[in-house]
N, C-alpha and C. Protein backbone atom coordinates (compact mmCIF):
# COMPACT_ATOMS: atom_id res chain seq x y z
N UNK A 1 -1.21 -19.35 -13.87
CA UNK A 1 -1.94 -18.17 -14.28
C UNK A 1 -3.30 -18.59 -14.84
N UNK A 2 -4.34 -17.87 -14.41
CA UNK A 2 -5.70 -18.13 -14.88
C UNK A 2 -5.95 -17.36 -16.17
N UNK A 3 -6.69 -17.98 -17.09
CA UNK A 3 -7.05 -17.31 -18.33
C UNK A 3 -8.39 -16.61 -18.25
N UNK A 4 -9.30 -17.15 -17.42
CA UNK A 4 -10.62 -16.57 -17.27
C UNK A 4 -11.16 -16.86 -15.88
N UNK A 5 -12.02 -15.98 -15.40
CA UNK A 5 -12.70 -16.17 -14.12
C UNK A 5 -14.20 -16.16 -14.35
N UNK A 6 -14.90 -17.11 -13.73
CA UNK A 6 -16.35 -17.20 -13.82
C UNK A 6 -16.99 -17.04 -12.44
N UNK A 7 -16.17 -17.11 -11.40
CA UNK A 7 -16.66 -17.11 -10.03
C UNK A 7 -16.06 -15.93 -9.27
N UNK A 8 -16.91 -15.10 -8.67
CA UNK A 8 -16.45 -13.92 -7.94
C UNK A 8 -15.54 -14.29 -6.78
N UNK A 9 -15.94 -15.28 -6.00
CA UNK A 9 -15.15 -15.67 -4.84
C UNK A 9 -13.75 -16.15 -5.25
N UNK A 10 -13.69 -16.90 -6.33
CA UNK A 10 -12.39 -17.40 -6.81
C UNK A 10 -11.48 -16.23 -7.21
N UNK A 11 -12.03 -15.25 -7.90
CA UNK A 11 -11.26 -14.08 -8.30
C UNK A 11 -10.78 -13.30 -7.08
N UNK A 12 -11.64 -13.10 -6.11
CA UNK A 12 -11.30 -12.38 -4.87
C UNK A 12 -10.18 -13.08 -4.11
N UNK A 13 -10.30 -14.38 -3.93
CA UNK A 13 -9.29 -15.16 -3.22
C UNK A 13 -7.95 -15.14 -3.97
N UNK A 14 -8.01 -15.26 -5.26
CA UNK A 14 -6.83 -15.22 -6.13
C UNK A 14 -6.08 -13.90 -5.95
N UNK A 15 -6.81 -12.80 -6.00
CA UNK A 15 -6.19 -11.48 -5.85
C UNK A 15 -5.55 -11.32 -4.48
N UNK A 16 -6.22 -11.73 -3.43
CA UNK A 16 -5.63 -11.62 -2.10
C UNK A 16 -4.36 -12.46 -1.98
N UNK A 17 -4.35 -13.66 -2.55
CA UNK A 17 -3.14 -14.49 -2.50
C UNK A 17 -1.97 -13.75 -3.15
N UNK A 18 -2.21 -13.12 -4.29
CA UNK A 18 -1.15 -12.38 -4.97
C UNK A 18 -0.68 -11.19 -4.15
N UNK A 19 -1.61 -10.47 -3.54
CA UNK A 19 -1.24 -9.30 -2.72
C UNK A 19 -0.44 -9.75 -1.50
N UNK A 20 -0.91 -10.75 -0.81
CA UNK A 20 -0.22 -11.24 0.39
C UNK A 20 1.19 -11.73 0.06
N UNK A 21 1.34 -12.34 -1.09
CA UNK A 21 2.67 -12.82 -1.50
C UNK A 21 3.69 -11.68 -1.54
N UNK A 22 3.23 -10.48 -1.85
CA UNK A 22 4.12 -9.33 -1.91
C UNK A 22 4.79 -8.99 -0.59
N UNK A 23 4.25 -9.47 0.51
CA UNK A 23 4.86 -9.18 1.81
C UNK A 23 6.08 -10.06 2.10
N UNK A 24 6.23 -11.13 1.33
CA UNK A 24 7.35 -12.05 1.57
C UNK A 24 8.23 -12.27 0.34
N UNK A 25 7.72 -11.98 -0.84
CA UNK A 25 8.44 -12.22 -2.08
C UNK A 25 8.89 -10.89 -2.67
N UNK A 26 10.19 -10.63 -2.61
CA UNK A 26 10.73 -9.35 -3.08
C UNK A 26 10.59 -9.17 -4.59
N UNK A 27 10.29 -10.24 -5.32
CA UNK A 27 10.12 -10.14 -6.78
C UNK A 27 8.66 -9.97 -7.18
N UNK A 28 7.77 -10.07 -6.23
CA UNK A 28 6.34 -9.92 -6.53
C UNK A 28 6.01 -8.47 -6.84
N UNK A 29 5.16 -8.21 -7.83
CA UNK A 29 4.73 -6.84 -8.11
C UNK A 29 4.04 -6.18 -6.90
N UNK A 30 3.45 -7.00 -6.02
CA UNK A 30 2.77 -6.45 -4.85
C UNK A 30 3.76 -5.94 -3.79
N UNK A 31 5.01 -6.28 -3.94
CA UNK A 31 6.01 -5.80 -2.97
C UNK A 31 6.13 -4.28 -3.01
N UNK A 32 5.97 -3.70 -4.20
CA UNK A 32 6.14 -2.25 -4.38
C UNK A 32 4.91 -1.64 -5.06
N UNK A 33 3.79 -1.55 -4.34
CA UNK A 33 2.60 -0.94 -4.94
C UNK A 33 2.73 0.58 -5.00
N UNK A 34 1.84 1.19 -5.74
CA UNK A 34 1.75 2.65 -5.79
C UNK A 34 0.57 3.06 -4.92
N UNK A 35 0.80 4.05 -4.06
CA UNK A 35 -0.32 4.59 -3.29
C UNK A 35 -0.55 6.03 -3.70
N UNK A 36 -1.80 6.43 -3.60
CA UNK A 36 -2.18 7.80 -3.94
C UNK A 36 -2.85 8.45 -2.74
N UNK A 37 -2.46 9.71 -2.51
CA UNK A 37 -3.05 10.51 -1.45
C UNK A 37 -3.55 11.82 -2.06
N UNK A 38 -4.32 12.56 -1.29
CA UNK A 38 -4.74 13.89 -1.70
C UNK A 38 -3.68 14.86 -1.19
N UNK A 39 -2.96 15.51 -2.11
CA UNK A 39 -1.88 16.40 -1.74
C UNK A 39 -2.36 17.65 -1.01
N UNK A 40 -1.44 18.27 -0.31
CA UNK A 40 -1.73 19.49 0.45
C UNK A 40 -2.29 20.58 -0.48
N UNK A 41 -1.75 20.66 -1.70
CA UNK A 41 -2.19 21.69 -2.64
C UNK A 41 -3.49 21.32 -3.35
N UNK A 42 -4.01 20.12 -3.08
CA UNK A 42 -5.23 19.66 -3.74
C UNK A 42 -4.96 18.76 -4.93
N UNK A 43 -3.70 18.69 -5.36
CA UNK A 43 -3.33 17.81 -6.47
C UNK A 43 -3.07 16.41 -5.94
N UNK A 44 -3.33 15.38 -6.75
CA UNK A 44 -3.05 14.01 -6.29
C UNK A 44 -1.54 13.80 -6.15
N UNK A 45 -1.17 12.96 -5.23
CA UNK A 45 0.23 12.58 -5.01
C UNK A 45 0.32 11.06 -5.09
N UNK A 46 1.24 10.57 -5.91
CA UNK A 46 1.46 9.13 -6.07
C UNK A 46 2.88 8.80 -5.67
N UNK A 47 3.07 7.65 -5.06
CA UNK A 47 4.41 7.21 -4.69
C UNK A 47 4.44 5.70 -4.55
N UNK A 48 5.62 5.15 -4.75
CA UNK A 48 5.84 3.72 -4.57
C UNK A 48 6.22 3.48 -3.13
N UNK A 49 5.65 2.45 -2.53
CA UNK A 49 5.95 2.09 -1.15
C UNK A 49 6.30 0.60 -1.10
N UNK A 50 6.70 0.13 0.05
CA UNK A 50 6.96 -1.29 0.25
C UNK A 50 5.82 -1.86 1.10
N UNK A 51 5.15 -2.87 0.57
CA UNK A 51 4.07 -3.51 1.31
C UNK A 51 4.69 -4.40 2.39
N UNK A 52 4.39 -4.11 3.63
CA UNK A 52 4.98 -4.85 4.76
C UNK A 52 4.07 -5.91 5.36
N UNK A 53 2.76 -5.70 5.23
CA UNK A 53 1.82 -6.66 5.83
C UNK A 53 0.51 -6.59 5.06
N UNK A 54 -0.13 -7.74 4.90
CA UNK A 54 -1.44 -7.83 4.26
C UNK A 54 -2.24 -8.92 4.97
N UNK A 55 -3.47 -8.60 5.32
CA UNK A 55 -4.31 -9.54 6.06
C UNK A 55 -5.71 -9.54 5.43
N UNK A 56 -6.05 -10.62 4.78
CA UNK A 56 -7.36 -10.72 4.13
C UNK A 56 -8.48 -10.71 5.15
N UNK A 57 -8.29 -11.41 6.26
CA UNK A 57 -9.35 -11.54 7.27
C UNK A 57 -9.78 -10.18 7.80
N UNK A 58 -8.82 -9.29 8.07
CA UNK A 58 -9.15 -7.96 8.58
C UNK A 58 -9.22 -6.92 7.46
N UNK A 59 -8.97 -7.35 6.23
CA UNK A 59 -8.96 -6.46 5.06
C UNK A 59 -8.08 -5.24 5.34
N UNK A 60 -6.82 -5.53 5.71
CA UNK A 60 -5.90 -4.44 6.03
C UNK A 60 -4.53 -4.69 5.41
N UNK A 61 -3.86 -3.59 5.15
CA UNK A 61 -2.51 -3.59 4.59
C UNK A 61 -1.67 -2.64 5.42
N UNK A 62 -0.34 -2.82 5.38
CA UNK A 62 0.54 -1.92 6.13
C UNK A 62 1.77 -1.57 5.31
N UNK A 63 2.16 -0.30 5.42
CA UNK A 63 3.42 0.19 4.88
C UNK A 63 4.09 0.99 5.98
N UNK A 64 5.41 1.10 5.90
CA UNK A 64 6.18 1.88 6.87
C UNK A 64 6.62 3.18 6.23
N UNK A 65 6.78 4.21 7.04
CA UNK A 65 7.29 5.48 6.52
C UNK A 65 7.87 6.33 7.65
N UNK A 66 8.48 7.43 7.26
CA UNK A 66 9.01 8.43 8.19
C UNK A 66 7.85 9.35 8.57
N UNK A 67 7.65 9.54 9.85
CA UNK A 67 6.55 10.37 10.35
C UNK A 67 6.62 11.80 9.82
N UNK A 68 7.81 12.23 9.37
CA UNK A 68 7.99 13.59 8.85
C UNK A 68 7.77 13.67 7.33
N UNK A 69 7.42 12.57 6.69
CA UNK A 69 7.19 12.61 5.24
C UNK A 69 5.89 13.35 4.95
N UNK A 70 5.80 13.93 3.76
CA UNK A 70 4.62 14.70 3.36
C UNK A 70 3.35 13.85 3.37
N UNK A 71 3.48 12.56 3.07
CA UNK A 71 2.28 11.74 3.02
C UNK A 71 1.58 11.67 4.37
N UNK A 72 2.33 11.78 5.46
CA UNK A 72 1.70 11.76 6.78
C UNK A 72 0.88 13.03 6.99
N UNK A 73 1.41 14.17 6.58
CA UNK A 73 0.65 15.42 6.66
C UNK A 73 -0.60 15.33 5.78
N UNK A 74 -0.44 14.79 4.58
CA UNK A 74 -1.57 14.65 3.66
C UNK A 74 -2.65 13.74 4.25
N UNK A 75 -2.23 12.63 4.84
CA UNK A 75 -3.18 11.70 5.44
C UNK A 75 -3.84 12.29 6.68
N UNK A 76 -3.15 13.19 7.35
CA UNK A 76 -3.76 13.89 8.48
C UNK A 76 -4.91 14.78 8.03
N UNK A 77 -4.78 15.35 6.84
CA UNK A 77 -5.84 16.19 6.28
C UNK A 77 -6.96 15.37 5.66
N UNK A 78 -6.60 14.23 5.07
CA UNK A 78 -7.58 13.37 4.42
C UNK A 78 -7.05 11.94 4.46
N UNK A 79 -7.62 11.09 5.29
CA UNK A 79 -7.08 9.73 5.47
C UNK A 79 -7.37 8.76 4.33
N UNK A 80 -8.07 9.21 3.30
CA UNK A 80 -8.39 8.31 2.19
C UNK A 80 -7.15 8.04 1.33
N UNK A 81 -6.99 6.77 0.95
CA UNK A 81 -5.82 6.34 0.18
C UNK A 81 -6.29 5.43 -0.95
N UNK A 82 -5.62 5.55 -2.08
CA UNK A 82 -5.80 4.60 -3.17
C UNK A 82 -4.51 3.82 -3.34
N UNK A 83 -4.62 2.57 -3.71
CA UNK A 83 -3.44 1.74 -3.98
C UNK A 83 -3.65 1.05 -5.31
N UNK A 84 -2.57 0.94 -6.07
CA UNK A 84 -2.62 0.28 -7.37
C UNK A 84 -1.50 -0.74 -7.46
N UNK A 85 -1.85 -1.94 -7.93
CA UNK A 85 -0.85 -2.99 -8.17
C UNK A 85 -1.19 -3.62 -9.52
N UNK A 86 -0.19 -3.75 -10.37
CA UNK A 86 -0.36 -4.42 -11.66
C UNK A 86 0.48 -5.69 -11.64
N UNK A 87 -0.15 -6.82 -11.87
CA UNK A 87 0.52 -8.12 -11.95
C UNK A 87 0.62 -8.49 -13.42
N UNK A 88 1.74 -8.18 -14.10
CA UNK A 88 1.82 -8.41 -15.55
C UNK A 88 1.70 -9.88 -15.96
N UNK A 89 2.33 -10.77 -15.24
CA UNK A 89 2.26 -12.19 -15.59
C UNK A 89 0.85 -12.72 -15.44
N UNK A 90 0.15 -12.27 -14.41
CA UNK A 90 -1.20 -12.73 -14.12
C UNK A 90 -2.27 -11.90 -14.85
N UNK A 91 -1.83 -10.81 -15.48
CA UNK A 91 -2.72 -9.90 -16.20
C UNK A 91 -3.85 -9.41 -15.31
N UNK A 92 -3.50 -9.05 -14.09
CA UNK A 92 -4.49 -8.60 -13.11
C UNK A 92 -4.13 -7.22 -12.58
N UNK A 93 -5.10 -6.33 -12.67
CA UNK A 93 -4.97 -5.00 -12.07
C UNK A 93 -5.77 -5.00 -10.77
N UNK A 94 -5.13 -4.55 -9.69
CA UNK A 94 -5.78 -4.46 -8.39
C UNK A 94 -5.81 -2.98 -8.00
N UNK A 95 -7.00 -2.45 -7.80
CA UNK A 95 -7.16 -1.08 -7.32
C UNK A 95 -7.88 -1.15 -5.99
N UNK A 96 -7.29 -0.51 -4.99
CA UNK A 96 -7.80 -0.57 -3.63
C UNK A 96 -8.11 0.83 -3.14
N UNK A 97 -9.26 0.97 -2.47
CA UNK A 97 -9.60 2.21 -1.76
C UNK A 97 -9.61 1.87 -0.28
N UNK A 98 -8.95 2.72 0.51
CA UNK A 98 -8.81 2.43 1.94
C UNK A 98 -8.84 3.71 2.76
N UNK A 99 -9.05 3.53 4.04
CA UNK A 99 -8.95 4.62 5.02
C UNK A 99 -7.70 4.33 5.85
N UNK A 100 -6.82 5.32 5.91
CA UNK A 100 -5.54 5.11 6.61
C UNK A 100 -5.66 5.42 8.10
N UNK A 101 -4.75 4.81 8.82
CA UNK A 101 -4.64 5.00 10.26
C UNK A 101 -3.13 5.03 10.55
N UNK A 102 -2.66 6.08 11.18
CA UNK A 102 -1.23 6.22 11.47
C UNK A 102 -0.94 5.64 12.86
N UNK A 103 0.03 4.72 12.90
CA UNK A 103 0.44 4.10 14.17
C UNK A 103 1.87 4.51 14.45
N UNK A 104 2.15 4.90 15.69
CA UNK A 104 3.49 5.36 16.05
C UNK A 104 3.76 5.12 17.53
N UNK A 105 5.01 5.33 17.91
CA UNK A 105 5.38 5.24 19.32
C UNK A 105 5.44 3.82 19.85
N UNK A 106 5.18 3.69 21.14
CA UNK A 106 5.31 2.41 21.82
C UNK A 106 4.45 1.30 21.22
N UNK A 107 3.31 1.65 20.63
CA UNK A 107 2.42 0.62 20.08
C UNK A 107 3.05 -0.15 18.91
N UNK A 108 4.12 0.41 18.30
CA UNK A 108 4.75 -0.26 17.16
C UNK A 108 6.20 -0.65 17.44
N UNK A 109 6.59 -0.63 18.69
CA UNK A 109 7.95 -1.00 19.07
C UNK A 109 8.31 -2.41 18.57
N UNK A 110 7.38 -3.34 18.66
CA UNK A 110 7.63 -4.71 18.23
C UNK A 110 7.94 -4.77 16.73
N UNK A 111 7.20 -4.01 15.92
CA UNK A 111 7.47 -3.98 14.47
C UNK A 111 8.83 -3.35 14.18
N UNK A 112 9.20 -2.31 14.94
CA UNK A 112 10.50 -1.65 14.78
C UNK A 112 11.63 -2.65 14.98
N UNK A 113 11.48 -3.52 15.95
CA UNK A 113 12.51 -4.52 16.26
C UNK A 113 12.74 -5.46 15.08
N UNK A 114 11.76 -5.61 14.21
CA UNK A 114 11.88 -6.49 13.04
C UNK A 114 12.45 -5.78 11.82
N UNK A 115 12.58 -4.46 11.88
CA UNK A 115 13.14 -3.71 10.75
C UNK A 115 14.64 -3.95 10.72
N UNK A 116 15.18 -4.44 9.59
CA UNK A 116 16.63 -4.68 9.51
C UNK A 116 17.42 -3.39 9.75
N UNK A 117 18.58 -3.54 10.37
CA UNK A 117 19.40 -2.37 10.69
C UNK A 117 19.69 -1.49 9.48
N UNK A 118 19.95 -2.13 8.32
CA UNK A 118 20.27 -1.34 7.13
C UNK A 118 19.05 -0.57 6.61
N UNK A 119 17.85 -0.96 7.01
CA UNK A 119 16.63 -0.25 6.58
C UNK A 119 16.23 0.85 7.57
N UNK A 120 16.73 0.78 8.78
CA UNK A 120 16.34 1.77 9.80
C UNK A 120 16.78 3.18 9.45
N UNK A 121 17.77 3.31 8.57
CA UNK A 121 18.24 4.64 8.18
C UNK A 121 17.18 5.40 7.37
N UNK A 122 16.13 4.72 6.96
CA UNK A 122 15.04 5.38 6.22
C UNK A 122 14.15 6.22 7.13
N UNK A 123 14.36 6.11 8.42
CA UNK A 123 13.51 6.79 9.39
C UNK A 123 14.37 7.72 10.24
N UNK A 124 14.48 8.97 9.78
CA UNK A 124 15.25 9.95 10.52
C UNK A 124 16.04 10.90 9.63
N UNK A 125 15.81 10.88 8.32
CA UNK A 125 16.56 11.72 7.39
C UNK A 125 16.57 13.18 7.83
N UNK A 126 17.77 13.78 7.76
CA UNK A 126 17.94 15.21 8.07
C UNK A 126 18.58 15.90 6.88
N UNK A 127 18.02 16.96 6.37
CA UNK A 127 16.73 17.50 6.78
C UNK A 127 15.59 16.54 6.41
N UNK A 128 14.39 16.86 6.84
CA UNK A 128 13.26 15.96 6.65
C UNK A 128 12.98 15.70 5.17
N UNK A 129 12.39 14.56 4.85
CA UNK A 129 12.10 14.21 3.45
C UNK A 129 11.32 15.32 2.73
N UNK A 130 11.75 15.61 1.51
CA UNK A 130 11.10 16.62 0.69
C UNK A 130 11.66 18.03 0.83
N UNK A 131 12.59 18.22 1.77
CA UNK A 131 13.21 19.53 1.97
C UNK A 131 14.19 19.80 0.82
N UNK A 132 14.20 21.02 0.31
CA UNK A 132 15.17 21.39 -0.73
C UNK A 132 16.57 21.38 -0.12
N UNK A 133 17.52 20.75 -0.86
CA UNK A 133 18.92 20.71 -0.41
C UNK A 133 19.82 21.26 -1.52
N UNK A 134 21.06 21.65 -1.16
CA UNK A 134 21.96 22.31 -2.12
C UNK A 134 22.56 21.35 -3.15
N UNK A 135 22.83 20.12 -2.74
CA UNK A 135 23.39 19.15 -3.67
C UNK A 135 22.76 17.78 -3.40
N UNK A 136 22.95 16.85 -4.33
CA UNK A 136 22.24 15.58 -4.29
C UNK A 136 22.42 14.77 -3.00
N UNK A 137 23.58 14.91 -2.35
CA UNK A 137 23.82 14.12 -1.14
C UNK A 137 24.01 15.00 0.09
N UNK A 138 23.36 16.13 0.11
CA UNK A 138 23.46 17.07 1.23
C UNK A 138 22.41 16.75 2.30
N UNK A 139 22.49 15.53 2.81
CA UNK A 139 21.58 15.08 3.86
C UNK A 139 22.27 14.00 4.69
N UNK A 140 21.70 13.72 5.84
CA UNK A 140 22.20 12.66 6.73
C UNK A 140 21.08 11.65 6.97
N UNK A 141 21.46 10.44 7.34
CA UNK A 141 20.49 9.37 7.56
C UNK A 141 20.66 8.74 8.94
N UNK A 142 20.46 9.53 10.01
CA UNK A 142 20.53 8.92 11.34
C UNK A 142 19.31 8.03 11.60
N UNK A 143 19.48 7.04 12.43
CA UNK A 143 18.39 6.14 12.79
C UNK A 143 17.63 6.75 13.97
N UNK A 144 16.31 6.93 13.79
CA UNK A 144 15.50 7.53 14.85
C UNK A 144 14.17 6.78 14.95
N UNK A 145 14.04 5.97 15.98
CA UNK A 145 12.79 5.22 16.19
C UNK A 145 11.59 6.16 16.24
N UNK A 146 11.75 7.31 16.85
CA UNK A 146 10.60 8.22 17.00
C UNK A 146 10.08 8.76 15.66
N UNK A 147 10.84 8.56 14.59
CA UNK A 147 10.39 8.97 13.25
C UNK A 147 9.75 7.82 12.47
N UNK A 148 9.81 6.62 13.01
CA UNK A 148 9.24 5.45 12.36
C UNK A 148 7.73 5.40 12.63
N UNK A 149 6.94 5.15 11.58
CA UNK A 149 5.51 4.95 11.79
C UNK A 149 4.99 3.94 10.77
N UNK A 150 3.82 3.45 11.06
CA UNK A 150 3.15 2.50 10.19
C UNK A 150 1.87 3.15 9.68
N UNK A 151 1.66 3.04 8.39
CA UNK A 151 0.39 3.45 7.81
C UNK A 151 -0.42 2.18 7.62
N UNK A 152 -1.45 2.04 8.41
CA UNK A 152 -2.36 0.89 8.27
C UNK A 152 -3.47 1.32 7.33
N UNK A 153 -3.71 0.52 6.30
CA UNK A 153 -4.76 0.80 5.34
C UNK A 153 -5.92 -0.14 5.60
N UNK A 154 -7.03 0.41 6.03
CA UNK A 154 -8.24 -0.36 6.27
C UNK A 154 -9.04 -0.35 4.96
N UNK A 155 -9.01 -1.47 4.28
CA UNK A 155 -9.57 -1.57 2.93
C UNK A 155 -11.09 -1.43 2.96
N UNK A 156 -11.60 -0.59 2.06
CA UNK A 156 -13.03 -0.37 1.89
C UNK A 156 -13.55 -1.02 0.60
N UNK A 157 -12.74 -0.95 -0.47
CA UNK A 157 -13.13 -1.51 -1.76
C UNK A 157 -11.93 -2.08 -2.49
N UNK A 158 -12.17 -3.12 -3.26
CA UNK A 158 -11.16 -3.70 -4.14
C UNK A 158 -11.80 -3.86 -5.52
N UNK A 159 -11.19 -3.22 -6.51
CA UNK A 159 -11.66 -3.28 -7.89
C UNK A 159 -10.63 -4.10 -8.67
N UNK A 160 -11.06 -5.22 -9.23
CA UNK A 160 -10.16 -6.14 -9.93
C UNK A 160 -10.50 -6.20 -11.41
N UNK A 161 -9.50 -6.02 -12.25
CA UNK A 161 -9.67 -6.18 -13.69
C UNK A 161 -8.68 -7.23 -14.18
N UNK A 162 -9.21 -8.29 -14.77
CA UNK A 162 -8.38 -9.37 -15.28
C UNK A 162 -8.43 -9.35 -16.80
N UNK A 163 -7.26 -9.29 -17.42
CA UNK A 163 -7.17 -9.23 -18.88
C UNK A 163 -6.86 -10.61 -19.44
N UNK A 164 -7.78 -11.52 -19.24
CA UNK A 164 -7.63 -12.89 -19.72
C UNK A 164 -8.07 -13.01 -21.17
N UNK A 165 -8.41 -14.24 -21.58
CA UNK A 165 -8.91 -14.46 -22.94
C UNK A 165 -10.06 -13.50 -23.23
N UNK A 166 -10.95 -13.36 -22.25
CA UNK A 166 -11.99 -12.34 -22.27
C UNK A 166 -11.79 -11.53 -20.99
N UNK A 167 -11.89 -10.23 -21.08
CA UNK A 167 -11.65 -9.38 -19.91
C UNK A 167 -12.82 -9.49 -18.93
N UNK A 168 -12.46 -9.49 -17.64
CA UNK A 168 -13.47 -9.47 -16.59
C UNK A 168 -13.09 -8.44 -15.56
N UNK A 169 -14.10 -7.90 -14.91
CA UNK A 169 -13.88 -6.90 -13.87
C UNK A 169 -14.91 -7.13 -12.77
N UNK A 170 -14.48 -6.92 -11.53
CA UNK A 170 -15.38 -7.10 -10.39
C UNK A 170 -15.03 -6.10 -9.29
N UNK A 171 -16.05 -5.71 -8.56
CA UNK A 171 -15.88 -4.80 -7.42
C UNK A 171 -16.31 -5.53 -6.15
N UNK A 172 -15.44 -5.46 -5.14
CA UNK A 172 -15.70 -6.06 -3.84
C UNK A 172 -15.67 -4.94 -2.80
N UNK A 173 -16.70 -4.88 -1.96
CA UNK A 173 -16.80 -3.80 -0.98
C UNK A 173 -17.04 -4.35 0.43
N UNK A 174 -16.42 -3.70 1.37
CA UNK A 174 -16.60 -4.06 2.77
C UNK A 174 -18.08 -4.00 3.15
N UNK A 175 -18.77 -2.97 2.62
CA UNK A 175 -20.19 -2.78 2.96
C UNK A 175 -21.06 -3.94 2.50
N UNK A 176 -20.58 -4.76 1.55
CA UNK A 176 -21.31 -5.93 1.08
C UNK A 176 -20.67 -7.23 1.53
N UNK A 177 -19.91 -7.15 2.63
CA UNK A 177 -19.21 -8.34 3.14
C UNK A 177 -18.36 -9.01 2.08
N UNK A 178 -17.79 -8.21 1.17
CA UNK A 178 -16.87 -8.67 0.15
C UNK A 178 -17.49 -9.67 -0.82
N UNK A 179 -18.83 -9.66 -0.94
CA UNK A 179 -19.49 -10.64 -1.83
C UNK A 179 -19.19 -10.37 -3.31
N UNK A 180 -19.01 -9.14 -3.70
CA UNK A 180 -18.60 -8.82 -5.06
C UNK A 180 -19.73 -8.68 -6.05
N UNK A 181 -19.43 -7.89 -7.08
CA UNK A 181 -20.34 -7.69 -8.21
C UNK A 181 -19.50 -7.62 -9.47
N UNK A 182 -20.00 -8.25 -10.53
CA UNK A 182 -19.32 -8.13 -11.80
C UNK A 182 -19.58 -6.75 -12.38
N UNK A 183 -18.56 -6.18 -13.03
CA UNK A 183 -18.69 -4.89 -13.70
C UNK A 183 -18.27 -5.09 -15.16
N UNK A 184 -18.80 -4.25 -16.02
CA UNK A 184 -18.32 -4.27 -17.39
C UNK A 184 -16.87 -3.80 -17.37
N UNK A 185 -15.97 -4.53 -18.06
CA UNK A 185 -14.54 -4.14 -18.01
C UNK A 185 -14.25 -2.89 -18.83
């Protein structure tokens, strides 16, 4: 764990390493980030997701979901997404702004093949996710590939706040080739 950062590039690389680790380490805080969308009613919607892929080179992240979930409708209306990850041990807050892209059908068949059988039941819930039901278990979980989709997040900005011996904050933007700027924390 770092106590202080003096170099923007070092902070940026450090944050990406932590985020990428979440795709393989089930105990990493990055495994279950919070994403925010603009709700249908205009109110913000926050939810925990599972980070499935992270690529620093393309500045992209991926999560899986059911095509019938409300977040897909929300992203259809406004593709902007916020993501938040807090790394308590590292004392690092990562806030990401991204533009989402929904991938479905034959183009993601290869990713579907990698989804464990016990996880495939998350794609096909009847009635659809968010529907009012009469009792807590009044639903079915059939496996339906056609309901599986990937939300690709094309990262536009990363805002990092490190609570070290002295607090530091930096903003990295795609428009500046990720060079970064220090901000007052």
